[in-house]
């Protein structure tokens, strides 16, 4: 099968036009065309995923299709952006029609779930690698940045943390328990918090998606904002399945493991008080921003300089 037939058969079906959205021209031309409405900013990000580094070797292709788009779209959620479209550059070691069928199915389900359509891309031969660029839009000047945290801000996280990282221990389990299945689902089918994007851009001062571990990603906010933080282990939101599986190690999973694709957010106390209960119910306050540099857990320095934390793309292998 040639490159153009591969694209026509497996990826053009992902490019169906939505009734609303900014994509004017999708795959089939030299470029895609996206029209940005007046008064809105374009928000975009690119993610590269390499077999054996970002996902296990011989990983199920339908899971991979979902995870790839979810991981990329999570960056849009952290900026408070509305998703629009994405591009895909796919490097394949060989043309395997069953693999492509399953991969494109997973990608299609994710694109429909996240409200994004394929705008274009490329295919080539080589080690299995995926590069996805995601586009979103936000009201002009309303994009949330990492650099907006201020002393006194409350630090909150969405959902529960640590499940996806714990799931790595059970990827080869032949008879997984119910708790194992629960954390495995968080790994195979993460949900970027696009549902929170509209609400958080009205109230949050700073945000980051938790992709490399809470300590590492909160550290990005602190570095960009020139502040420190105090967080409490007893406030960390942990799922019952994670606690049952990992016991005392559950907290470490929540602090240091990646792939949760939840959000870490900073709110002024005033904004937190006036935020709707429907938003606050989805968040857990775990600490506050301090004027003094450093990242402290229960009063103990756990900054990146003191203790290595998070996923390292150049040192980690699955």
Protein backbone atom coordinates (compact mmCIF):
# COMPACT_ATOMS: atom_id res chain seq x y z
CA UNK A 1 0.00 0.00 0.00
CA UNK A 2 1.36 3.41 -0.98
CA UNK A 3 1.44 6.53 1.17
CA UNK A 4 -1.50 8.26 -0.52
CA UNK A 5 -3.75 5.19 -0.37
CA UNK A 6 -2.81 4.78 3.30
CA UNK A 7 -3.86 8.37 4.03
CA UNK A 8 -7.06 8.09 1.97
CA UNK A 9 -8.17 4.87 3.63
CA UNK A 10 -7.28 5.45 7.28
CA UNK A 11 -7.01 9.18 7.93
CA UNK A 12 -9.25 11.13 5.56
CA UNK A 13 -12.33 9.83 7.45
CA UNK A 14 -11.07 11.77 10.48
CA UNK A 15 -11.29 15.04 8.58
CA UNK A 16 -15.08 15.39 8.43
CA UNK A 17 -16.27 18.97 8.64
CA UNK A 18 -18.00 20.13 11.79
CA UNK A 19 -20.85 22.60 11.57
CA UNK A 20 -18.89 25.04 13.69
CA UNK A 21 -15.15 25.50 14.00
CA UNK A 22 -12.31 27.37 12.41
CA UNK A 23 -10.94 24.73 9.98
CA UNK A 24 -11.73 25.89 6.43
CA UNK A 25 -9.65 23.38 4.44
CA UNK A 26 -8.41 20.03 5.68
CA UNK A 27 -6.30 17.23 4.18
CA UNK A 28 -5.81 16.95 0.43
CA UNK A 29 -4.06 20.22 -0.39
CA UNK A 30 -0.55 21.52 0.21
CA UNK A 31 -1.67 23.18 3.44
CA UNK A 32 -4.69 23.29 5.69
CA UNK A 33 -6.49 26.59 6.20
CA UNK A 34 -7.73 27.72 9.59
CA UNK A 35 -9.68 30.94 9.98
CA UNK A 36 -9.39 32.56 13.40
CA UNK A 37 -12.49 34.53 14.39
CA UNK A 38 -12.04 38.20 15.23
CA UNK A 39 -11.17 38.79 18.85
CA UNK A 40 -9.64 35.35 19.43
CA UNK A 41 -6.06 34.12 19.76
CA UNK A 42 -4.68 30.93 18.18
CA UNK A 43 -3.27 28.52 20.78
CA UNK A 44 -1.15 25.62 19.49
CA UNK A 45 1.22 22.96 20.78
CA UNK A 46 3.14 20.00 19.35
CA UNK A 47 3.88 16.66 21.04
CA UNK A 48 6.20 13.88 19.85
CA UNK A 49 5.66 10.33 21.09
CA UNK A 50 8.32 7.67 20.51
CA UNK A 51 7.83 3.94 20.99
CA UNK A 52 9.73 2.69 24.02
CA UNK A 53 10.00 6.18 25.51
CA UNK A 54 6.47 7.59 25.67
CA UNK A 55 4.54 4.36 25.24
CA UNK A 56 5.46 0.66 25.57
CA UNK A 57 6.73 -1.37 22.65
CA UNK A 58 4.01 -3.38 20.93
CA UNK A 59 1.37 -1.22 22.63
CA UNK A 60 -2.20 -1.70 21.43
CA UNK A 61 -2.70 0.66 18.48
CA UNK A 62 -6.27 1.67 19.39
CA UNK A 63 -5.05 2.71 22.85
CA UNK A 64 -2.17 4.56 21.22
CA UNK A 65 -4.49 6.52 18.92
CA UNK A 66 -6.54 7.73 21.88
CA UNK A 67 -3.57 8.45 24.16
CA UNK A 68 -1.66 10.38 21.52
CA UNK A 69 -4.43 12.91 20.93
CA UNK A 70 -5.38 13.08 24.62
CA UNK A 71 -1.81 13.91 25.64
CA UNK A 72 -1.56 16.67 23.05
CA UNK A 73 -5.01 18.12 23.73
CA UNK A 74 -4.26 18.34 27.46
CA UNK A 75 -1.94 21.28 26.73
CA UNK A 76 -4.90 23.18 25.25
CA UNK A 77 -6.90 22.56 28.42
CA UNK A 78 -4.09 24.01 30.54
CA UNK A 79 -4.23 27.23 28.51
CA UNK A 80 -8.01 27.46 28.88
CA UNK A 81 -8.40 27.03 25.11
CA UNK A 82 -11.29 25.63 23.10
CA UNK A 83 -10.06 22.75 20.87
CA UNK A 84 -10.35 23.10 17.10
CA UNK A 85 -8.19 20.73 15.02
CA UNK A 86 -4.93 18.77 14.89
CA UNK A 87 -2.28 17.51 12.50
CA UNK A 88 -0.50 14.16 12.61
CA UNK A 89 2.94 13.15 11.35
CA UNK A 90 3.21 9.37 11.57
CA UNK A 91 6.45 7.43 11.16
CA UNK A 92 5.91 3.69 10.65
CA UNK A 93 8.45 0.83 10.57
CA UNK A 94 6.18 -1.02 8.11
CA UNK A 95 2.68 -0.77 6.64
CA UNK A 96 0.53 -3.07 8.76
CA UNK A 97 -3.09 -2.70 7.67
CA UNK A 98 -4.58 -4.17 10.84
CA UNK A 99 -2.42 -1.90 13.00
CA UNK A 100 -3.48 1.13 10.94
CA UNK A 101 -7.16 0.17 11.15
CA UNK A 102 -7.00 -0.12 14.94
CA UNK A 103 -4.88 3.00 15.40
CA UNK A 104 -7.13 5.15 13.23
CA UNK A 105 -10.19 3.82 15.11
CA UNK A 106 -8.72 4.90 18.47
CA UNK A 107 -7.71 8.25 17.04
CA UNK A 108 -11.17 8.76 15.53
CA UNK A 109 -12.91 8.03 18.84
CA UNK A 110 -10.64 10.52 20.61
CA UNK A 111 -11.14 13.21 17.98
CA UNK A 112 -14.91 12.87 18.26
CA UNK A 113 -14.80 12.88 22.07
CA UNK A 114 -12.58 15.98 22.24
CA UNK A 115 -14.32 17.90 19.44
CA UNK A 116 -11.28 18.07 17.14
CA UNK A 117 -10.86 17.20 13.47
CA UNK A 118 -7.80 16.19 11.50
CA UNK A 119 -6.45 19.10 9.47
CA UNK A 120 -3.58 17.27 7.73
CA UNK A 121 -0.23 15.63 8.29
CA UNK A 122 2.38 13.33 6.81
CA UNK A 123 3.50 9.69 6.82
CA UNK A 124 6.95 8.25 6.39
CA UNK A 125 9.04 5.16 7.15
CA UNK A 126 11.17 4.68 10.26
CA UNK A 127 10.94 3.83 13.99
CA UNK A 128 7.39 4.17 15.28
CA UNK A 129 6.94 7.86 16.17
CA UNK A 130 3.91 10.14 16.32
CA UNK A 131 4.00 13.94 16.21
CA UNK A 132 0.71 15.73 16.81
CA UNK A 133 0.14 19.46 16.65
CA UNK A 134 -3.08 20.65 18.26
CA UNK A 135 -4.79 23.98 17.61
CA UNK A 136 -7.30 25.77 19.79
CA UNK A 137 -8.60 29.29 20.24
CA UNK A 138 -9.24 31.52 23.21
CA UNK A 139 -10.62 35.01 23.66
CA UNK A 140 -7.92 37.54 22.92
CA UNK A 141 -5.59 37.87 25.89
CA UNK A 142 -7.42 35.24 27.95
CA UNK A 143 -4.98 32.34 27.53
CA UNK A 144 -3.76 31.06 30.94
CA UNK A 145 0.02 31.10 31.37
CA UNK A 146 2.39 29.39 33.77
CA UNK A 147 3.80 32.75 34.79
CA UNK A 148 0.69 34.12 36.51
CA UNK A 149 1.02 32.61 40.02
CA UNK A 150 1.23 35.13 42.86
CA UNK A 151 2.10 34.79 46.58
CA UNK A 152 -0.99 33.79 48.51
CA UNK A 153 -2.65 31.99 45.61
CA UNK A 154 -4.30 28.67 46.37
CA UNK A 155 -2.93 25.66 44.49
CA UNK A 156 -5.55 23.16 43.31
CA UNK A 157 -5.55 20.04 41.15
CA UNK A 158 -8.32 18.38 39.20
CA UNK A 159 -9.39 14.77 39.59
CA UNK A 160 -7.15 12.24 41.32
CA UNK A 161 -3.43 11.77 40.78
CA UNK A 162 -1.08 8.83 40.38
CA UNK A 163 -3.33 6.23 38.76
CA UNK A 164 -1.73 6.30 35.31
CA UNK A 165 1.79 6.07 36.71
CA UNK A 166 0.82 3.12 38.91
CA UNK A 167 -0.70 1.39 35.87
CA UNK A 168 2.78 0.87 34.38
CA UNK A 169 3.29 -1.96 36.89
CA UNK A 170 0.26 -3.83 35.53
CA UNK A 171 0.55 -3.44 31.74
CA UNK A 172 1.62 -7.09 31.40
CA UNK A 173 -0.82 -8.46 33.97
CA UNK A 174 -2.77 -11.36 32.42
CA UNK A 175 -5.54 -11.46 35.03
CA UNK A 176 -5.85 -7.92 36.38
CA UNK A 177 -7.97 -7.24 39.42
CA UNK A 178 -10.74 -4.64 39.44
CA UNK A 179 -8.36 -2.09 41.00
CA UNK A 180 -5.72 -2.83 38.39
CA UNK A 181 -8.29 -2.37 35.64
CA UNK A 182 -9.28 0.97 37.15
CA UNK A 183 -5.76 2.42 37.01
CA UNK A 184 -5.09 0.81 33.63
CA UNK A 185 -8.12 2.61 32.20
CA UNK A 186 -6.64 5.91 33.38
CA UNK A 187 -3.46 5.05 31.46
CA UNK A 188 -5.05 3.72 28.27
CA UNK A 189 -7.81 6.32 27.98
CA UNK A 190 -6.82 9.57 29.69
CA UNK A 191 -9.28 12.45 29.43
CA UNK A 192 -7.74 15.89 28.94
CA UNK A 193 -9.66 18.37 31.08
CA UNK A 194 -11.06 20.33 28.16
CA UNK A 195 -14.35 20.38 30.06
CA UNK A 196 -12.75 22.80 32.55
CA UNK A 197 -11.17 25.14 29.99
CA UNK A 198 -13.96 27.71 29.84
CA UNK A 199 -14.37 27.92 33.61
CA UNK A 200 -10.71 28.09 34.60
CA UNK A 201 -9.81 30.89 32.19
CA UNK A 202 -12.24 33.09 34.08
CA UNK A 203 -10.75 32.39 37.51
CA UNK A 204 -7.25 30.82 37.40
CA UNK A 205 -4.06 32.91 37.48
CA UNK A 206 -1.78 30.11 36.25
CA UNK A 207 -2.10 26.52 35.05
CA UNK A 208 -0.15 23.53 33.79
CA UNK A 209 -1.21 20.05 32.75
CA UNK A 210 0.14 17.20 34.88
CA UNK A 211 1.92 15.09 32.30
CA UNK A 212 5.35 14.56 33.88
CA UNK A 213 4.33 14.37 37.56
CA UNK A 214 2.86 16.91 39.98
CA UNK A 215 6.17 17.99 41.53
CA UNK A 216 7.80 18.47 38.14
CA UNK A 217 4.86 20.29 36.56
CA UNK A 218 4.08 22.51 39.55
CA UNK A 219 7.79 23.32 39.48
CA UNK A 220 7.31 24.76 35.97
CA UNK A 221 4.70 27.20 37.31
CA UNK A 222 6.94 28.22 40.20
CA UNK A 223 9.95 28.79 37.94
CA UNK A 224 7.96 30.79 35.40
CA UNK A 225 6.28 32.89 38.11
CA UNK A 226 9.34 33.40 40.31
CA UNK A 227 7.61 32.06 43.43
CA UNK A 228 7.61 29.04 45.74
CA UNK A 229 4.92 26.74 47.13
CA UNK A 230 3.82 24.88 50.23
CA UNK A 231 1.75 21.72 49.64
CA UNK A 232 0.31 19.17 52.05
CA UNK A 233 0.45 15.41 51.54
CA UNK A 234 -2.80 14.90 53.48
CA UNK A 235 -4.69 16.97 50.90
CA UNK A 236 -3.53 14.99 47.87
CA UNK A 237 -6.50 13.47 46.00
CA UNK A 238 -5.92 9.72 45.66
CA UNK A 239 -8.31 7.20 44.16
CA UNK A 240 -9.40 4.27 46.36
CA UNK A 241 -8.01 1.86 43.76
CA UNK A 242 -4.56 3.48 43.94
CA UNK A 243 -4.52 3.39 47.74
CA UNK A 244 -5.51 -0.28 47.81
CA UNK A 245 -2.91 -1.20 45.21
CA UNK A 246 0.03 0.87 46.42
CA UNK A 247 -0.60 1.53 50.09
CA UNK A 248 2.07 3.87 51.47
CA UNK A 249 3.54 4.27 47.97
CA UNK A 250 0.32 5.82 46.63
CA UNK A 251 1.41 9.32 47.62
CA UNK A 252 4.69 8.96 45.75
CA UNK A 253 2.78 7.91 42.63
CA UNK A 254 0.62 11.02 42.91
CA UNK A 255 3.62 13.32 43.38
CA UNK A 256 6.07 11.91 40.85
CA UNK A 257 4.41 9.77 38.20
CA UNK A 258 3.19 11.21 34.92
CA UNK A 259 0.44 10.61 32.36
CA UNK A 260 -2.47 11.75 34.55
CA UNK A 261 -3.30 14.71 32.25
CA UNK A 262 -5.11 16.45 35.07
CA UNK A 263 -4.59 20.18 35.71
CA UNK A 264 -2.64 22.02 38.39
CA UNK A 265 -4.06 25.53 38.89
CA UNK A 266 -3.38 28.65 40.94
CA UNK A 267 -6.25 30.87 42.12
CA UNK A 268 -6.26 34.09 44.07
CA UNK A 269 -8.29 33.58 47.21
CA UNK A 270 -10.82 36.10 45.95
CA UNK A 271 -11.27 34.26 42.65
CA UNK A 272 -11.53 30.93 44.45
CA UNK A 273 -14.31 32.27 46.66
CA UNK A 274 -16.32 33.57 43.71
CA UNK A 275 -15.74 30.53 41.47
CA UNK A 276 -18.87 28.40 40.95
CA UNK A 277 -19.35 25.32 43.12
CA UNK A 278 -19.62 23.24 39.93
CA UNK A 279 -15.96 24.05 39.26
CA UNK A 280 -14.69 23.76 42.83
CA UNK A 281 -16.27 20.32 43.24
CA UNK A 282 -13.90 19.04 40.53
CA UNK A 283 -10.82 20.48 42.21
CA UNK A 284 -8.86 19.85 45.41
CA UNK A 285 -6.85 22.58 47.11
CA UNK A 286 -3.47 21.09 48.07
CA UNK A 287 -1.50 24.15 49.20
CA UNK A 288 -0.61 27.74 48.51
CA UNK A 289 1.92 29.85 46.65
CA UNK A 290 4.71 31.32 48.75
CA UNK A 291 6.82 34.40 48.03
CA UNK A 292 10.00 32.50 48.96
CA UNK A 293 11.44 30.17 46.28
CA UNK A 294 11.27 26.42 46.80
CA UNK A 295 8.71 23.65 46.70
CA UNK A 296 7.89 22.28 50.13
CA UNK A 297 5.85 19.19 50.98
CA UNK A 298 4.75 19.18 54.63
CA UNK A 299 7.54 21.66 55.31
CA UNK A 300 10.27 19.55 53.67
CA UNK A 301 12.05 20.87 50.57
CA UNK A 302 11.18 18.68 47.57
CA UNK A 303 12.12 21.13 44.81
CA UNK A 304 13.60 19.71 41.61
CA UNK A 305 17.05 20.85 42.76
CA UNK A 306 16.69 18.90 46.00
CA UNK A 307 14.98 15.72 44.76
CA UNK A 308 14.67 14.61 41.10
CA UNK A 309 11.01 14.28 40.19
CA UNK A 310 8.86 13.55 37.18
CA UNK A 311 9.26 11.89 33.83
CA UNK A 312 12.50 12.64 31.95
CA UNK A 313 12.17 12.17 28.17
CA UNK A 314 15.92 11.60 27.83
CA UNK A 315 16.36 9.13 30.69
CA UNK A 316 13.17 7.12 30.79
CA UNK A 317 12.28 4.04 28.77
CA UNK A 318 9.16 1.87 28.90
